[in-house]
Amino acid sequence: METETHYEMERLRAELDGTLHRVRENNARIAALQRELEQTRITGYAPNGEVVTLLTGAGEFTEIRIDPDVLRRYDAATVGTLVTAAVNDGLRRLTAANEAAFAPLLDGAA
């Protein structure tokens, strides 16, 4: 009986060690993916392409480019709508990039 208990405890310890090893590996892969994504540059566009936003993979906007003709053709509210559309497009693209990068990890966890 004592030998069976000892064997069972060793088996459980080996399973736990294996699980901890896989968790550490996944944590390292997640950290590497996060660093890689932070270096990524994303571009967002207004539907007409006259406003472009640039942001980092960390979600920080670094630039908004507005075609000078936009400022002559549209009122402030319309320009604001175009900027908002470009920002939202950039955020959607950032989300898609994150999902694509982490999909292999999530698929492996299922």
N, C-alpha and C. Protein backbone atom coordinates (compact mmCIF):
# COMPACT_ATOMS: atom_id res chain seq x y z
N MET A 1 0.82 -1.18 0.00
CA MET A 1 0.00 0.00 0.00
C MET A 1 0.87 1.25 0.00
N GLU A 2 1.89 1.25 0.84
CA GLU A 2 2.79 2.39 0.91
C GLU A 2 3.51 2.60 -0.41
N THR A 3 3.87 1.53 -1.09
CA THR A 3 4.55 1.62 -2.37
C THR A 3 3.63 2.21 -3.42
N GLU A 4 2.34 1.82 -3.40
CA GLU A 4 1.37 2.37 -4.35
C GLU A 4 1.19 3.87 -4.12
N THR A 5 1.11 4.30 -2.90
CA THR A 5 0.97 5.71 -2.57
C THR A 5 2.19 6.49 -3.03
N HIS A 6 3.36 5.92 -2.78
CA HIS A 6 4.60 6.56 -3.21
C HIS A 6 4.63 6.69 -4.74
N TYR A 7 4.25 5.61 -5.42
CA TYR A 7 4.23 5.62 -6.89
C TYR A 7 3.25 6.68 -7.40
N GLU A 8 2.09 6.75 -6.78
CA GLU A 8 1.06 7.73 -7.19
C GLU A 8 1.56 9.15 -6.97
N MET A 9 2.22 9.40 -5.86
CA MET A 9 2.75 10.74 -5.58
C MET A 9 3.83 11.12 -6.59
N GLU A 10 4.68 10.18 -6.95
CA GLU A 10 5.72 10.45 -7.95
C GLU A 10 5.10 10.75 -9.31
N ARG A 11 4.05 10.00 -9.65
CA ARG A 11 3.36 10.24 -10.93
C ARG A 11 2.73 11.62 -10.94
N LEU A 12 2.07 12.00 -9.87
CA LEU A 12 1.45 13.32 -9.77
C LEU A 12 2.50 14.43 -9.82
N ARG A 13 3.63 14.22 -9.15
CA ARG A 13 4.70 15.20 -9.16
C ARG A 13 5.24 15.37 -10.59
N ALA A 14 5.40 14.28 -11.30
CA ALA A 14 5.89 14.35 -12.68
C ALA A 14 4.89 15.09 -13.57
N GLU A 15 3.60 14.83 -13.38
CA GLU A 15 2.56 15.54 -14.15
C GLU A 15 2.60 17.04 -13.84
N LEU A 16 2.73 17.37 -12.57
CA LEU A 16 2.78 18.76 -12.16
C LEU A 16 4.02 19.44 -12.74
N ASP A 17 5.15 18.77 -12.70
CA ASP A 17 6.38 19.34 -13.28
C ASP A 17 6.20 19.59 -14.77
N GLY A 18 5.58 18.65 -15.47
CA GLY A 18 5.33 18.81 -16.90
C GLY A 18 4.40 19.98 -17.18
N THR A 19 3.37 20.11 -16.37
CA THR A 19 2.43 21.22 -16.53
C THR A 19 3.11 22.55 -16.28
N LEU A 20 3.90 22.63 -15.22
CA LEU A 20 4.62 23.88 -14.93
C LEU A 20 5.60 24.23 -16.04
N HIS A 21 6.24 23.24 -16.61
CA HIS A 21 7.16 23.47 -17.72
C HIS A 21 6.41 24.05 -18.92
N ARG A 22 5.24 23.49 -19.25
CA ARG A 22 4.45 24.00 -20.37
C ARG A 22 3.97 25.43 -20.09
N VAL A 23 3.58 25.72 -18.86
CA VAL A 23 3.15 27.07 -18.49
C VAL A 23 4.30 28.06 -18.67
N ARG A 24 5.48 27.69 -18.22
CA ARG A 24 6.65 28.58 -18.38
C ARG A 24 6.97 28.81 -19.86
N GLU A 25 6.89 27.76 -20.66
CA GLU A 25 7.14 27.90 -22.09
C GLU A 25 6.11 28.84 -22.72
N ASN A 26 4.84 28.66 -22.38
CA ASN A 26 3.79 29.53 -22.93
C ASN A 26 3.98 30.97 -22.48
N ASN A 27 4.35 31.18 -21.23
CA ASN A 27 4.58 32.54 -20.74
C ASN A 27 5.72 33.19 -21.50
N ALA A 28 6.76 32.44 -21.78
CA ALA A 28 7.90 32.99 -22.55
C ALA A 28 7.45 33.32 -23.98
N ARG A 29 6.64 32.46 -24.59
CA ARG A 29 6.15 32.74 -25.94
C ARG A 29 5.24 33.95 -25.95
N ILE A 30 4.40 34.10 -24.94
CA ILE A 30 3.52 35.26 -24.85
C ILE A 30 4.33 36.54 -24.71
N ALA A 31 5.34 36.53 -23.86
CA ALA A 31 6.19 37.71 -23.68
C ALA A 31 6.91 38.07 -24.98
N ALA A 32 7.39 37.07 -25.70
CA ALA A 32 8.07 37.32 -26.98
C ALA A 32 7.10 37.91 -28.00
N LEU A 33 5.89 37.37 -28.05
CA LEU A 33 4.88 37.90 -28.97
C LEU A 33 4.52 39.35 -28.62
N GLN A 34 4.39 39.64 -27.34
CA GLN A 34 4.08 41.00 -26.93
C GLN A 34 5.18 41.97 -27.34
N ARG A 35 6.42 41.58 -27.14
CA ARG A 35 7.54 42.44 -27.56
C ARG A 35 7.52 42.65 -29.07
N GLU A 36 7.27 41.58 -29.80
CA GLU A 36 7.22 41.67 -31.26
C GLU A 36 6.08 42.59 -31.70
N LEU A 37 4.92 42.43 -31.09
CA LEU A 37 3.78 43.26 -31.46
C LEU A 37 4.01 44.73 -31.13
N GLU A 38 4.70 45.00 -30.05
CA GLU A 38 4.98 46.39 -29.68
C GLU A 38 5.85 47.08 -30.74
N GLN A 39 6.63 46.31 -31.48
CA GLN A 39 7.47 46.86 -32.53
C GLN A 39 6.72 47.02 -33.86
N THR A 40 5.53 46.43 -33.94
CA THR A 40 4.74 46.48 -35.15
C THR A 40 4.19 47.89 -35.36
N ARG A 41 4.08 48.29 -36.61
CA ARG A 41 3.48 49.57 -36.95
C ARG A 41 2.20 49.29 -37.74
N ILE A 42 1.13 49.93 -37.33
CA ILE A 42 -0.18 49.71 -37.93
C ILE A 42 -0.62 51.02 -38.60
N THR A 43 -1.30 50.91 -39.74
CA THR A 43 -1.83 52.07 -40.43
C THR A 43 -3.34 51.92 -40.54
N GLY A 44 -4.05 52.99 -40.19
CA GLY A 44 -5.50 53.02 -40.32
C GLY A 44 -5.90 54.07 -41.34
N TYR A 45 -7.01 53.84 -42.01
CA TYR A 45 -7.44 54.72 -43.09
C TYR A 45 -8.90 55.13 -42.92
N ALA A 46 -9.19 56.37 -43.27
CA ALA A 46 -10.58 56.79 -43.43
C ALA A 46 -11.09 56.13 -44.71
N PRO A 47 -12.41 55.93 -44.85
CA PRO A 47 -12.92 55.24 -46.03
C PRO A 47 -12.45 55.84 -47.36
N ASN A 48 -12.28 57.15 -47.42
CA ASN A 48 -11.85 57.78 -48.67
C ASN A 48 -10.33 57.86 -48.79
N GLY A 49 -9.59 57.42 -47.77
CA GLY A 49 -8.14 57.41 -47.80
C GLY A 49 -7.50 58.77 -47.61
N GLU A 50 -8.31 59.78 -47.33
CA GLU A 50 -7.76 61.13 -47.20
C GLU A 50 -7.20 61.42 -45.81
N VAL A 51 -7.50 60.56 -44.85
CA VAL A 51 -6.92 60.66 -43.51
C VAL A 51 -6.31 59.31 -43.18
N VAL A 52 -5.07 59.35 -42.71
CA VAL A 52 -4.33 58.14 -42.38
C VAL A 52 -3.79 58.29 -40.97
N THR A 53 -3.92 57.23 -40.17
CA THR A 53 -3.37 57.23 -38.82
C THR A 53 -2.28 56.17 -38.73
N LEU A 54 -1.25 56.46 -37.97
CA LEU A 54 -0.18 55.50 -37.73
C LEU A 54 -0.13 55.24 -36.23
N LEU A 55 -0.03 53.97 -35.85
CA LEU A 55 0.06 53.63 -34.45
C LEU A 55 1.00 52.45 -34.26
N THR A 56 1.46 52.33 -33.04
CA THR A 56 2.35 51.22 -32.70
C THR A 56 1.52 50.02 -32.30
N GLY A 57 2.17 48.89 -32.21
CA GLY A 57 1.50 47.68 -31.76
C GLY A 57 1.07 47.75 -30.31
N ALA A 58 1.59 48.73 -29.57
CA ALA A 58 1.18 48.94 -28.18
C ALA A 58 -0.07 49.82 -28.11
N GLY A 59 -0.57 50.27 -29.27
CA GLY A 59 -1.79 51.07 -29.30
C GLY A 59 -1.56 52.56 -29.17
N GLU A 60 -0.32 53.01 -29.31
CA GLU A 60 -0.01 54.43 -29.22
C GLU A 60 -0.01 55.05 -30.62
N PHE A 61 -0.84 56.08 -30.79
CA PHE A 61 -0.88 56.76 -32.09
C PHE A 61 0.35 57.65 -32.20
N THR A 62 1.03 57.55 -33.34
CA THR A 62 2.26 58.30 -33.54
C THR A 62 2.09 59.41 -34.57
N GLU A 63 1.06 59.29 -35.40
CA GLU A 63 0.89 60.30 -36.44
C GLU A 63 -0.51 60.22 -37.01
N ILE A 64 -1.04 61.38 -37.38
CA ILE A 64 -2.29 61.46 -38.14
C ILE A 64 -1.99 62.35 -39.34
N ARG A 65 -2.20 61.80 -40.52
CA ARG A 65 -1.95 62.54 -41.76
C ARG A 65 -3.29 62.92 -42.38
N ILE A 66 -3.44 64.19 -42.66
CA ILE A 66 -4.67 64.68 -43.29
C ILE A 66 -4.29 65.31 -44.62
N ASP A 67 -4.90 64.83 -45.68
CA ASP A 67 -4.68 65.41 -47.00
C ASP A 67 -5.07 66.89 -46.93
N PRO A 68 -4.20 67.80 -47.36
CA PRO A 68 -4.51 69.24 -47.27
C PRO A 68 -5.81 69.63 -47.96
N ASP A 69 -6.19 68.91 -49.03
CA ASP A 69 -7.44 69.22 -49.71
C ASP A 69 -8.65 68.97 -48.82
N VAL A 70 -8.52 68.03 -47.88
CA VAL A 70 -9.62 67.74 -46.96
C VAL A 70 -9.97 68.99 -46.15
N LEU A 71 -8.95 69.71 -45.73
CA LEU A 71 -9.17 70.90 -44.91
C LEU A 71 -9.84 72.02 -45.71
N ARG A 72 -9.67 72.01 -47.02
CA ARG A 72 -10.31 73.02 -47.87
C ARG A 72 -11.72 72.62 -48.26
N ARG A 73 -11.95 71.32 -48.42
CA ARG A 73 -13.24 70.84 -48.92
C ARG A 73 -14.29 70.61 -47.84
N TYR A 74 -13.87 70.26 -46.65
CA TYR A 74 -14.83 69.85 -45.62
C TYR A 74 -14.82 70.79 -44.43
N ASP A 75 -15.94 70.78 -43.72
CA ASP A 75 -16.00 71.55 -42.48
C ASP A 75 -15.34 70.75 -41.35
N ALA A 76 -15.17 71.40 -40.19
CA ALA A 76 -14.46 70.78 -39.07
C ALA A 76 -15.13 69.48 -38.61
N ALA A 77 -16.45 69.45 -38.61
CA ALA A 77 -17.15 68.24 -38.16
C ALA A 77 -16.86 67.06 -39.08
N THR A 78 -16.84 67.30 -40.37
CA THR A 78 -16.55 66.23 -41.32
C THR A 78 -15.11 65.75 -41.20
N VAL A 79 -14.18 66.70 -41.03
CA VAL A 79 -12.78 66.32 -40.83
C VAL A 79 -12.67 65.47 -39.56
N GLY A 80 -13.36 65.87 -38.51
CA GLY A 80 -13.35 65.08 -37.28
C GLY A 80 -13.88 63.68 -37.49
N THR A 81 -14.93 63.54 -38.29
CA THR A 81 -15.50 62.23 -38.60
C THR A 81 -14.49 61.38 -39.36
N LEU A 82 -13.78 61.99 -40.30
CA LEU A 82 -12.77 61.25 -41.07
C LEU A 82 -11.62 60.81 -40.17
N VAL A 83 -11.19 61.67 -39.27
CA VAL A 83 -10.11 61.31 -38.34
C VAL A 83 -10.57 60.16 -37.45
N THR A 84 -11.79 60.27 -36.94
CA THR A 84 -12.34 59.20 -36.09
C THR A 84 -12.39 57.88 -36.84
N ALA A 85 -12.81 57.92 -38.09
CA ALA A 85 -12.88 56.69 -38.90
C ALA A 85 -11.49 56.09 -39.09
N ALA A 86 -10.49 56.92 -39.35
CA ALA A 86 -9.12 56.42 -39.54
C ALA A 86 -8.58 55.83 -38.24
N VAL A 87 -8.85 56.49 -37.11
CA VAL A 87 -8.41 55.97 -35.80
C VAL A 87 -9.07 54.62 -35.53
N ASN A 88 -10.38 54.53 -35.75
CA ASN A 88 -11.08 53.27 -35.50
C ASN A 88 -10.59 52.16 -36.42
N ASP A 89 -10.28 52.50 -37.67
CA ASP A 89 -9.74 51.50 -38.58
C ASP A 89 -8.38 51.00 -38.08
N GLY A 90 -7.54 51.92 -37.60
CA GLY A 90 -6.25 51.52 -37.05
C GLY A 90 -6.41 50.60 -35.85
N LEU A 91 -7.35 50.91 -34.98
CA LEU A 91 -7.59 50.06 -33.81
C LEU A 91 -8.12 48.69 -34.22
N ARG A 92 -8.99 48.64 -35.23
CA ARG A 92 -9.48 47.34 -35.71
C ARG A 92 -8.32 46.51 -36.29
N ARG A 93 -7.45 47.18 -37.02
CA ARG A 93 -6.31 46.46 -37.60
C ARG A 93 -5.34 45.98 -36.51
N LEU A 94 -5.19 46.78 -35.47
CA LEU A 94 -4.35 46.37 -34.34
C LEU A 94 -4.95 45.14 -33.66
N THR A 95 -6.25 45.16 -33.44
CA THR A 95 -6.93 44.00 -32.84
C THR A 95 -6.75 42.76 -33.70
N ALA A 96 -6.90 42.91 -35.01
CA ALA A 96 -6.73 41.77 -35.92
C ALA A 96 -5.30 41.24 -35.87
N ALA A 97 -4.32 42.14 -35.79
CA ALA A 97 -2.92 41.71 -35.72
C ALA A 97 -2.66 40.96 -34.42
N ASN A 98 -3.22 41.44 -33.32
CA ASN A 98 -3.08 40.75 -32.03
C ASN A 98 -3.72 39.37 -32.08
N GLU A 99 -4.93 39.30 -32.62
CA GLU A 99 -5.62 38.02 -32.70
C GLU A 99 -4.85 37.03 -33.56
N ALA A 100 -4.32 37.49 -34.67
CA ALA A 100 -3.55 36.61 -35.55
C ALA A 100 -2.27 36.13 -34.88
N ALA A 101 -1.62 37.02 -34.14
CA ALA A 101 -0.36 36.65 -33.49
C ALA A 101 -0.59 35.63 -32.37
N PHE A 102 -1.68 35.79 -31.62
CA PHE A 102 -1.93 34.92 -30.48
C PHE A 102 -2.77 33.69 -30.82
N ALA A 103 -3.31 33.62 -32.02
CA ALA A 103 -4.16 32.48 -32.41
C ALA A 103 -3.46 31.13 -32.23
N PRO A 104 -2.19 30.99 -32.64
CA PRO A 104 -1.55 29.67 -32.46
C PRO A 104 -1.50 29.25 -30.99
N LEU A 105 -1.27 30.20 -30.08
CA LEU A 105 -1.25 29.85 -28.66
C LEU A 105 -2.62 29.45 -28.16
N LEU A 106 -3.63 30.19 -28.62
CA LEU A 106 -4.99 29.90 -28.17
C LEU A 106 -5.49 28.58 -28.75
N ASP A 107 -5.13 28.30 -30.01
CA ASP A 107 -5.52 27.03 -30.62
C ASP A 107 -4.88 25.85 -29.91
N GLY A 108 -3.63 26.04 -29.48
CA GLY A 108 -2.92 24.97 -28.78
C GLY A 108 -3.44 24.73 -27.38
N ALA A 109 -4.11 25.75 -26.81
CA ALA A 109 -4.61 25.63 -25.44
C ALA A 109 -5.95 24.91 -25.41
N ALA A 110 -6.62 24.86 -26.53
CA ALA A 110 -7.97 24.27 -26.56
C ALA A 110 -7.93 22.77 -26.49
